[in-house]
Amino acid sequence: MLDRLPFLVGLRYVRAKRRNHFISFISLTSMLGLMLGVAVLILVLSVMNGFDHELRTRILGMVPHTKIESTEGLVEWEALAGRLTQRERVIGAAPYVEQQGMFSAGGRNQGAMVNGIDPDWEDQVSIIGQHMRQGSLNDLVPGEWNVVLGSMLARQLGVGVGDYVTLLVPEASITPAGVFPRLKRFTVSGIFSVGADLDANLAYANISDMQTLARLGDAVGGLRLELDDLFIAGSETQDIVNELGPGYRGTDWTFSHGNLFQAIQMEKRMIALLLTVIIAVAAFNIVSTLVMVVTDKRADIAILRTIGATPRSIMGIFIVQGLAIGLIGIAIGVAVGILLALTVSDLISWFEATFGIQFLDAGVYFISDLPSQLQWDDVRDIVLAAFGLTFLSTLYPAWRAARVQPADVLRYE
């Protein structure tokens, strides 16, 4: 019977109504604090995981993992692409010609990066084909000077499919009449949308047309490579350049978006640390609750000691009581946090549609919707951390309870 004493008495103390309502209020506050801390931590980490996932799948699905270029341009690029795709970590290759320029239409101007691509090769290294809102990459036929614009870029220029845009490139043409900037009129044949900042500053044209515009002849600007693991891009790029020898250079995605990825990872760690403080504060409230309960139950402790309860059993009573309070708060927090993590994207979308408010501007936050990805490893770590803090919070009050001397208490009863 005495072996079950800590559980029976500890759980009874949790359910019992107390004469001191302040103790009940502190217990409720502790429980709500744990619930709030756990729920918010699960939600925030899920949103950060969502940002991380969107960065990998959307932005890094459009941005090349690795680019291999030559100082004189690549002429026999097909042979080089076949050679590089034989490497174990390279799963795709595609040629490109990049040209920074400014689009103009109807008096509106907007800068953008124009990628000259081969539609037959592009699917190996990019997800652009999966995000066409209008038109198709196959409409980029050589000699027709068609262009595919990002949705935000098209909206800023006020154009749609079938409209004309003029591309001004930062190179001059010398004519008998003087020096003029190089201009070329394109027909908008498609619009894509990935829900990221790339929608505002990226366009695609046929690689043959861009070779003509850039005066490259049969050469291309370089090869874009897709790797099986984007986190090895740096070392793999260096290995490829070393293998190809002088005259070749390579860059990887970390040069353009590495800082963003590192910022998300750092923010996730810092936010987790800060929100854990909420759990720690709630756990500290359990210390206050149990200390007051020990003071309130000194007579009960003395009686239990006189009938044979050991100091260890007395400690167990208050550890069980504190853990019960903590586990209830943690369980409710986990349930609420998981529910919010699974529905926050839909809730934000409904709120934006109902009130006409946009929370995330893709031009600022890289994506236009609030992503959320629940990871059970995070839930496990949060529960273990909260349980650990709760357990530590019960030790001091339980130790004080075990030190109560029956003779000193019962002398005045």
Protein backbone atom coordinates (compact mmCIF):
# COMPACT_ATOMS: atom_id res chain seq x y z
CA MET A 1 0.00 0.00 0.00
CA LEU A 2 2.79 2.42 0.90
CA ASP A 3 4.36 1.82 -2.53
CA ARG A 4 1.22 3.26 -4.14
CA LEU A 5 0.99 6.09 -1.64
CA PRO A 6 2.77 8.78 -3.72
CA PHE A 7 0.45 8.21 -6.70
CA LEU A 8 -2.77 7.98 -4.71
CA VAL A 9 -2.13 11.00 -2.51
CA GLY A 10 -0.41 13.06 -5.21
CA LEU A 11 -3.29 12.65 -7.66
CA ARG A 12 -5.81 13.30 -4.86
CA TYR A 13 -4.08 16.61 -4.08
CA VAL A 14 -4.44 17.59 -7.76
CA ARG A 15 -8.20 16.98 -7.72
CA ALA A 16 -8.91 18.26 -4.22
CA LYS A 17 -10.51 21.66 -3.64
CA ARG A 18 -8.29 23.86 -1.54
CA ARG A 19 -9.20 26.29 1.17
CA ASN A 20 -6.54 28.62 -0.20
CA HIS A 21 -7.90 29.70 -3.60
CA PHE A 22 -4.65 31.46 -4.39
CA ILE A 23 -2.91 28.07 -4.61
CA SER A 24 -5.56 26.88 -7.08
CA PHE A 25 -5.07 30.04 -9.13
CA ILE A 26 -1.29 29.52 -9.28
CA SER A 27 -1.82 25.87 -10.31
CA LEU A 28 -4.16 26.94 -13.11
CA THR A 29 -1.69 29.61 -14.19
CA SER A 30 1.11 27.06 -14.34
CA MET A 31 -1.02 24.69 -16.40
CA LEU A 32 -2.10 27.44 -18.82
CA GLY A 33 1.48 28.69 -19.12
CA LEU A 34 2.73 25.25 -20.10
CA MET A 35 -0.16 24.82 -22.52
CA LEU A 36 0.53 28.20 -24.14
CA GLY A 37 4.29 27.67 -24.34
CA VAL A 38 4.03 24.19 -25.86
CA ALA A 39 1.29 25.17 -28.34
CA VAL A 40 3.05 28.32 -29.54
CA LEU A 41 6.40 26.54 -29.81
CA ILE A 42 4.90 23.77 -31.95
CA LEU A 43 3.14 26.32 -34.15
CA VAL A 44 6.14 28.59 -34.65
CA LEU A 45 8.56 25.75 -35.37
CA SER A 46 6.07 24.30 -37.86
CA VAL A 47 5.88 27.65 -39.65
CA MET A 48 9.68 27.91 -39.71
CA ASN A 49 9.83 24.37 -41.08
CA GLY A 50 7.35 25.46 -43.71
CA PHE A 51 9.54 28.38 -44.74
CA ASP A 52 12.53 26.04 -44.91
CA HIS A 53 10.56 23.56 -47.05
CA GLU A 54 9.29 26.25 -49.39
CA LEU A 55 12.81 27.60 -49.80
CA ARG A 56 14.04 24.17 -50.85
CA THR A 57 11.15 23.21 -53.12
CA ARG A 58 10.11 26.52 -54.68
CA ILE A 59 13.01 28.94 -54.71
CA LEU A 60 15.79 26.37 -54.92
CA GLY A 61 13.66 24.46 -57.42
CA MET A 62 13.96 27.47 -59.72
CA VAL A 63 17.49 28.51 -58.81
CA PRO A 64 20.23 26.20 -60.11
CA HIS A 65 22.05 24.14 -57.52
CA THR A 66 25.25 24.63 -59.52
CA LYS A 67 26.26 26.65 -62.57
CA ILE A 68 29.28 25.77 -64.69
CA GLU A 69 30.55 28.50 -67.03
CA SER A 70 33.50 29.14 -69.29
CA THR A 71 35.27 32.42 -69.87
CA GLU A 72 34.72 32.04 -73.62
CA GLY A 73 31.27 30.47 -73.48
CA LEU A 74 30.40 26.81 -73.96
CA VAL A 75 30.16 25.68 -77.59
CA GLU A 76 30.08 21.90 -77.30
CA TRP A 77 27.79 22.01 -74.33
CA GLU A 78 25.85 18.83 -75.12
CA ALA A 79 28.99 16.69 -74.82
CA LEU A 80 29.90 18.44 -71.57
CA ALA A 81 26.36 17.94 -70.21
CA GLY A 82 26.55 14.23 -70.99
CA ARG A 83 29.91 14.02 -69.25
CA LEU A 84 28.76 15.82 -66.13
CA THR A 85 25.55 13.82 -65.76
CA GLN A 86 27.68 10.70 -65.52
CA ARG A 87 28.80 11.94 -62.11
CA GLU A 88 27.16 10.18 -59.19
CA ARG A 89 25.69 13.30 -57.54
CA VAL A 90 24.53 15.10 -60.74
CA ILE A 91 20.99 14.16 -61.78
CA GLY A 92 20.31 16.75 -64.49
CA ALA A 93 21.87 19.42 -66.70
CA ALA A 94 20.52 22.15 -68.98
CA PRO A 95 22.08 25.00 -70.98
CA TYR A 96 21.26 28.64 -70.35
CA VAL A 97 22.00 32.20 -71.40
CA GLU A 98 21.45 34.85 -68.73
CA GLN A 99 20.81 38.46 -69.61
CA GLN A 100 20.00 41.23 -67.15
CA GLY A 101 17.76 43.84 -68.67
CA MET A 102 14.74 46.09 -68.32
CA PHE A 103 11.29 45.35 -69.69
CA SER A 104 9.11 48.19 -70.90
CA ALA A 105 5.41 48.14 -71.76
CA GLY A 106 2.82 50.90 -71.85
CA GLY A 107 5.14 53.39 -70.19
CA ARG A 108 5.97 51.03 -67.34
CA ASN A 109 9.51 49.79 -66.75
CA GLN A 110 10.73 46.91 -64.65
CA GLY A 111 14.14 45.27 -64.34
CA ALA A 112 14.41 41.48 -64.59
CA MET A 113 16.76 38.61 -65.27
CA VAL A 114 15.98 36.89 -68.56
CA ASN A 115 16.99 33.24 -68.79
CA GLY A 116 17.44 31.79 -72.23
CA ILE A 117 16.50 28.11 -71.94
CA ASP A 118 15.94 25.03 -74.06
CA PRO A 119 12.43 23.76 -73.15
CA ASP A 120 13.46 20.18 -73.94
CA TRP A 121 16.21 20.28 -71.27
CA GLU A 122 14.82 22.66 -68.66
CA ASP A 123 12.68 20.11 -66.80
CA GLN A 124 15.87 18.35 -65.68
CA VAL A 125 16.95 21.28 -63.50
CA SER A 126 13.87 23.44 -62.81
CA ILE A 127 10.26 23.20 -61.63
CA ILE A 128 9.17 26.10 -63.84
CA GLY A 129 7.11 23.78 -66.06
CA GLN A 130 5.00 22.75 -63.05
CA HIS A 131 4.07 26.35 -62.20
CA MET A 132 2.86 27.73 -65.53
CA ARG A 133 -0.32 29.71 -64.91
CA GLN A 134 -0.85 30.48 -68.59
CA GLY A 135 0.86 29.17 -71.69
CA SER A 136 3.64 26.60 -71.86
CA LEU A 137 7.41 26.50 -72.10
CA ASN A 138 6.97 24.74 -75.44
CA ASP A 139 5.69 28.07 -76.81
CA LEU A 140 9.27 29.35 -76.61
CA VAL A 141 9.97 28.53 -80.25
CA PRO A 142 13.28 29.69 -81.79
CA GLY A 143 12.91 32.81 -83.91
CA GLU A 144 9.46 33.80 -82.63
CA TRP A 145 10.86 35.93 -79.79
CA ASN A 146 8.38 34.79 -77.19
CA VAL A 147 8.89 35.35 -73.49
CA VAL A 148 7.42 33.85 -70.30
CA LEU A 149 7.06 36.32 -67.42
CA GLY A 150 6.60 35.88 -63.70
CA SER A 151 3.10 36.74 -62.49
CA MET A 152 4.19 39.76 -60.42
CA LEU A 153 6.42 41.02 -63.23
CA ALA A 154 3.52 40.78 -65.70
CA ARG A 155 1.24 42.59 -63.26
CA GLN A 156 3.77 45.37 -62.70
CA LEU A 157 4.10 45.84 -66.46
CA GLY A 158 0.35 45.57 -66.96
CA VAL A 159 0.62 42.90 -69.66
CA GLY A 160 -0.88 39.48 -70.34
CA VAL A 161 -0.49 36.66 -72.82
CA GLY A 162 -0.36 38.01 -76.35
CA ASP A 163 0.88 41.48 -75.39
CA TYR A 164 4.23 42.93 -76.44
CA VAL A 165 7.08 43.95 -74.16
CA THR A 166 10.36 45.59 -75.08
CA LEU A 167 13.58 44.35 -73.51
CA LEU A 168 16.43 46.83 -73.10
CA VAL A 169 19.80 45.24 -72.38
CA PRO A 170 22.78 47.13 -70.87
CA GLU A 171 24.84 46.96 -74.04
CA ALA A 172 25.12 49.62 -76.73
CA SER A 173 24.87 49.23 -80.49
CA ILE A 174 27.00 51.56 -82.60
CA THR A 175 25.24 52.77 -85.75
CA PRO A 176 25.93 55.56 -88.26
CA ALA A 177 23.36 57.61 -86.35
CA GLY A 178 25.22 57.18 -83.05
CA VAL A 179 25.26 54.90 -80.05
CA PHE A 180 21.94 53.37 -79.06
CA PRO A 181 20.94 50.89 -76.37
CA ARG A 182 20.06 47.46 -77.64
CA LEU A 183 16.33 46.83 -77.73
CA LYS A 184 14.21 43.85 -78.72
CA ARG A 185 10.46 43.38 -78.74
CA PHE A 186 9.09 40.12 -77.32
CA THR A 187 5.60 38.62 -77.30
CA VAL A 188 4.33 37.40 -73.95
CA SER A 189 3.48 33.73 -74.51
CA GLY A 190 3.09 32.57 -70.91
CA ILE A 191 2.99 33.51 -67.24
CA PHE A 192 4.32 31.47 -64.34
CA SER A 193 3.80 31.76 -60.60
CA VAL A 194 5.77 30.01 -57.86
CA GLY A 195 4.58 32.31 -55.07
CA ALA A 196 8.07 33.67 -54.43
CA ASP A 197 10.07 36.80 -55.15
CA LEU A 198 11.21 35.18 -58.41
CA ASP A 199 7.77 35.99 -59.82
CA ALA A 200 8.77 39.67 -59.79
CA ASN A 201 12.22 39.55 -61.34
CA LEU A 202 12.53 36.52 -63.62
CA ALA A 203 11.58 35.81 -67.23
CA TYR A 204 12.28 33.01 -69.71
CA ALA A 205 12.95 33.11 -73.45
CA ASN A 206 14.23 30.60 -75.96
CA ILE A 207 17.97 30.02 -75.70
CA SER A 208 18.45 30.50 -79.46
CA ASP A 209 16.83 33.94 -79.34
CA MET A 210 18.95 34.93 -76.35
CA GLN A 211 22.11 33.71 -78.09
CA THR A 212 21.27 36.03 -80.96
CA LEU A 213 20.52 38.94 -78.63
CA ALA A 214 23.74 38.40 -76.65
CA ARG A 215 25.75 37.78 -79.84
CA LEU A 216 27.13 34.49 -78.59
CA GLY A 217 26.86 32.59 -81.84
CA ASP A 218 26.58 28.84 -81.12
CA ALA A 219 27.90 29.20 -77.57
CA VAL A 220 25.76 29.19 -74.44
CA GLY A 221 26.39 31.02 -71.20
CA GLY A 222 26.85 27.84 -69.20
CA LEU A 223 25.22 24.71 -67.81
CA ARG A 224 22.84 24.51 -64.89
CA LEU A 225 23.19 21.33 -62.84
CA GLU A 226 20.71 19.61 -60.54
CA LEU A 227 22.23 17.63 -57.64
CA ASP A 228 20.72 14.86 -55.56
CA ASP A 229 21.60 16.81 -52.40
CA LEU A 230 21.68 20.60 -52.53
CA PHE A 231 23.83 20.78 -49.39
CA ILE A 232 26.82 19.29 -51.20
CA ALA A 233 26.65 21.93 -53.94
CA GLY A 234 29.76 23.74 -52.75
CA SER A 235 32.08 20.74 -52.67
CA GLU A 236 30.60 19.19 -55.82
CA THR A 237 31.02 22.45 -57.75
CA GLN A 238 34.65 22.69 -56.70
CA ASP A 239 35.30 19.08 -57.72
CA ILE A 240 33.76 19.66 -61.15
CA VAL A 241 35.79 22.82 -61.77
CA ASN A 242 38.98 21.05 -60.72
CA GLU A 243 38.18 18.19 -63.05
CA LEU A 244 37.42 20.44 -66.04
CA GLY A 245 40.59 22.44 -65.56
CA PRO A 246 41.53 26.07 -66.35
CA GLY A 247 39.04 28.25 -68.16
CA TYR A 248 36.02 26.98 -66.23
CA ARG A 249 34.36 28.44 -63.17
CA GLY A 250 31.43 27.40 -61.06
CA THR A 251 28.97 28.94 -58.60
CA ASP A 252 26.30 27.31 -56.46
CA TRP A 253 23.01 28.33 -54.88
CA THR A 254 24.65 29.46 -51.62
CA PHE A 255 25.99 32.55 -53.38
CA SER A 256 22.48 33.80 -54.20
CA HIS A 257 20.25 32.30 -51.49
CA GLY A 258 22.59 30.81 -48.90
CA ASN A 259 22.16 33.76 -46.52
CA LEU A 260 18.39 33.33 -46.58
CA PHE A 261 18.62 29.66 -45.73
CA GLN A 262 21.07 30.31 -42.90
CA ALA A 263 18.86 33.11 -41.58
CA ILE A 264 15.85 30.78 -41.42
CA GLN A 265 17.86 28.14 -39.55
CA MET A 266 19.23 30.71 -37.10
CA GLU A 267 15.79 32.26 -36.52
CA LYS A 268 14.32 28.83 -35.89
CA ARG A 269 16.90 28.12 -33.19
CA MET A 270 16.56 31.55 -31.59
CA ILE A 271 12.77 31.48 -31.58
CA ALA A 272 12.79 27.98 -30.08
CA LEU A 273 15.13 29.22 -27.34
CA LEU A 274 13.03 32.29 -26.58
CA LEU A 275 9.74 30.40 -26.50
CA THR A 276 11.25 27.76 -24.24
CA VAL A 277 11.53 30.57 -21.69
CA ILE A 278 7.72 30.65 -21.59
CA ILE A 279 7.73 26.98 -20.63
CA ALA A 280 10.44 27.63 -18.04
CA VAL A 281 8.40 30.45 -16.46
CA ALA A 282 5.34 28.20 -16.31
CA ALA A 283 7.46 25.46 -14.75
CA PHE A 284 8.74 27.98 -12.18
CA ASN A 285 5.12 28.64 -11.25
CA ILE A 286 4.85 24.94 -10.38
CA VAL A 287 7.63 25.50 -7.84
CA SER A 288 5.59 28.27 -6.23
CA THR A 289 2.45 26.14 -6.25
CA LEU A 290 4.10 23.14 -4.63
CA VAL A 291 5.90 25.22 -2.02
CA MET A 292 2.57 26.69 -0.90
CA VAL A 293 0.94 23.24 -0.99
CA VAL A 294 3.73 21.86 1.21
CA THR A 295 3.15 24.67 3.71
CA ASP A 296 -0.61 24.05 3.58
CA LYS A 297 -0.24 20.27 4.01
CA ARG A 298 2.33 20.15 6.80
CA ALA A 299 -0.13 18.45 9.16
CA ASP A 300 -1.00 15.83 6.54
CA ILE A 301 2.69 15.18 5.93
CA ALA A 302 3.31 14.73 9.65
CA ILE A 303 0.45 12.24 9.99
CA LEU A 304 1.68 10.24 6.98
CA ARG A 305 5.15 10.12 8.51
CA THR A 306 3.80 8.82 11.81
CA ILE A 307 1.97 5.92 10.10
CA GLY A 308 5.11 4.80 8.31
CA ALA A 309 5.55 6.92 5.18
CA THR A 310 9.22 7.44 4.36
CA PRO A 311 10.76 10.75 3.28
CA ARG A 312 11.11 9.22 -0.18
CA SER A 313 7.35 8.56 -0.31
CA ILE A 314 6.63 12.12 0.78
CA MET A 315 8.87 13.41 -1.99
CA GLY A 316 7.05 11.17 -4.46
CA ILE A 317 3.66 12.64 -3.48
CA PHE A 318 4.62 16.17 -4.47
CA ILE A 319 6.60 15.07 -7.53
CA VAL A 320 3.49 13.25 -8.75
CA GLN A 321 1.33 16.29 -8.06
CA GLY A 322 3.66 18.62 -9.95
CA LEU A 323 4.05 16.21 -12.86
CA ALA A 324 0.28 15.76 -13.08
CA ILE A 325 -0.21 19.53 -13.36
CA GLY A 326 2.55 19.72 -15.95
CA LEU A 327 1.38 16.75 -18.02
CA ILE A 328 -2.15 18.12 -18.26
CA GLY A 329 -0.83 21.45 -19.53
CA ILE A 330 1.61 19.75 -21.91
CA ALA A 331 -1.05 17.40 -23.31
CA ILE A 332 -3.50 20.22 -23.99
CA GLY A 333 -0.68 22.34 -25.46
CA VAL A 334 0.38 19.54 -27.81
CA ALA A 335 -3.19 19.04 -29.01
CA VAL A 336 -3.75 22.77 -29.59
CA GLY A 337 -0.32 23.23 -31.19
CA ILE A 338 -0.78 20.33 -33.62
CA LEU A 339 -4.26 21.57 -34.57
CA LEU A 340 -2.96 25.09 -35.24
CA ALA A 341 0.08 23.83 -37.14
CA LEU A 342 -2.13 21.76 -39.46
CA THR A 343 -4.67 24.52 -40.09
CA VAL A 344 -2.78 27.82 -39.84
CA SER A 345 -2.23 28.08 -43.61
CA ASP A 346 -5.95 27.66 -44.30
CA LEU A 347 -6.87 30.04 -41.48
CA ILE A 348 -4.57 32.77 -42.81
CA SER A 349 -5.84 32.25 -46.37
CA TRP A 350 -9.45 32.56 -45.15
CA PHE A 351 -8.60 35.68 -43.18
CA GLU A 352 -6.86 37.27 -46.17
CA ALA A 353 -9.78 36.45 -48.48
CA THR A 354 -12.39 37.66 -45.99
CA PHE A 355 -10.78 40.95 -44.99
CA GLY A 356 -8.71 41.67 -48.11
CA ILE A 357 -5.43 41.75 -46.20
CA GLN A 358 -2.15 40.25 -47.44
CA PHE A 359 0.14 39.24 -44.61
CA LEU A 360 3.14 38.25 -46.71
CA ASP A 361 4.44 40.20 -49.70
CA ALA A 362 6.48 37.89 -51.94
CA GLY A 363 8.76 40.78 -52.82
CA VAL A 364 9.76 41.06 -49.16
CA TYR A 365 9.31 37.60 -47.66
CA PHE A 366 10.18 35.47 -50.73
CA ILE A 367 6.81 33.70 -50.60
CA SER A 368 3.23 34.98 -50.64
CA ASP A 369 1.48 32.49 -48.34
CA LEU A 370 2.17 31.29 -44.81
CA PRO A 371 3.56 27.75 -44.97
CA SER A 372 3.44 25.22 -42.16
CA GLN A 373 5.02 21.80 -41.95
CA LEU A 374 4.56 19.79 -38.77
CA GLN A 375 7.54 17.61 -37.89
CA TRP A 376 7.00 14.98 -35.22
CA ASP A 377 10.64 15.18 -34.15
CA ASP A 378 10.01 18.78 -33.09
CA VAL A 379 6.89 17.76 -31.15
CA ARG A 380 8.86 15.04 -29.40
CA ASP A 381 11.68 17.41 -28.45
CA ILE A 382 9.24 20.04 -27.17
CA VAL A 383 7.38 17.50 -25.02
CA LEU A 384 10.63 16.13 -23.59
CA ALA A 385 11.93 19.63 -22.83
CA ALA A 386 8.67 20.67 -21.16
CA PHE A 387 8.50 17.44 -19.16
CA GLY A 388 12.13 17.82 -18.09
CA LEU A 389 11.59 21.38 -16.88
CA THR A 390 8.43 20.32 -15.06
CA PHE A 391 10.23 17.45 -13.32
CA LEU A 392 13.08 19.71 -12.23
CA SER A 393 10.56 22.18 -10.85
CA THR A 394 9.10 19.55 -8.51
CA LEU A 395 12.37 18.53 -6.86
CA TYR A 396 12.88 21.45 -4.48
CA PRO A 397 9.32 21.55 -3.05
CA ALA A 398 9.33 17.76 -2.72
CA TRP A 399 12.66 17.90 -0.89
CA ARG A 400 11.25 20.50 1.50
CA ALA A 401 8.22 18.28 2.14
CA ALA A 402 10.46 15.31 2.93
CA ARG A 403 12.31 17.38 5.57
CA VAL A 404 9.15 18.18 7.56
CA GLN A 405 9.56 16.82 11.12
CA PRO A 406 6.33 15.25 12.47
CA ALA A 407 7.13 16.14 16.09
CA ASP A 408 7.55 19.83 15.32
CA VAL A 409 4.28 19.97 13.43
CA LEU A 410 2.06 17.84 15.69
CA ARG A 411 3.27 19.60 18.84
CA TYR A 412 0.99 22.53 18.02
CA GLU A 413 -1.92 20.59 16.54
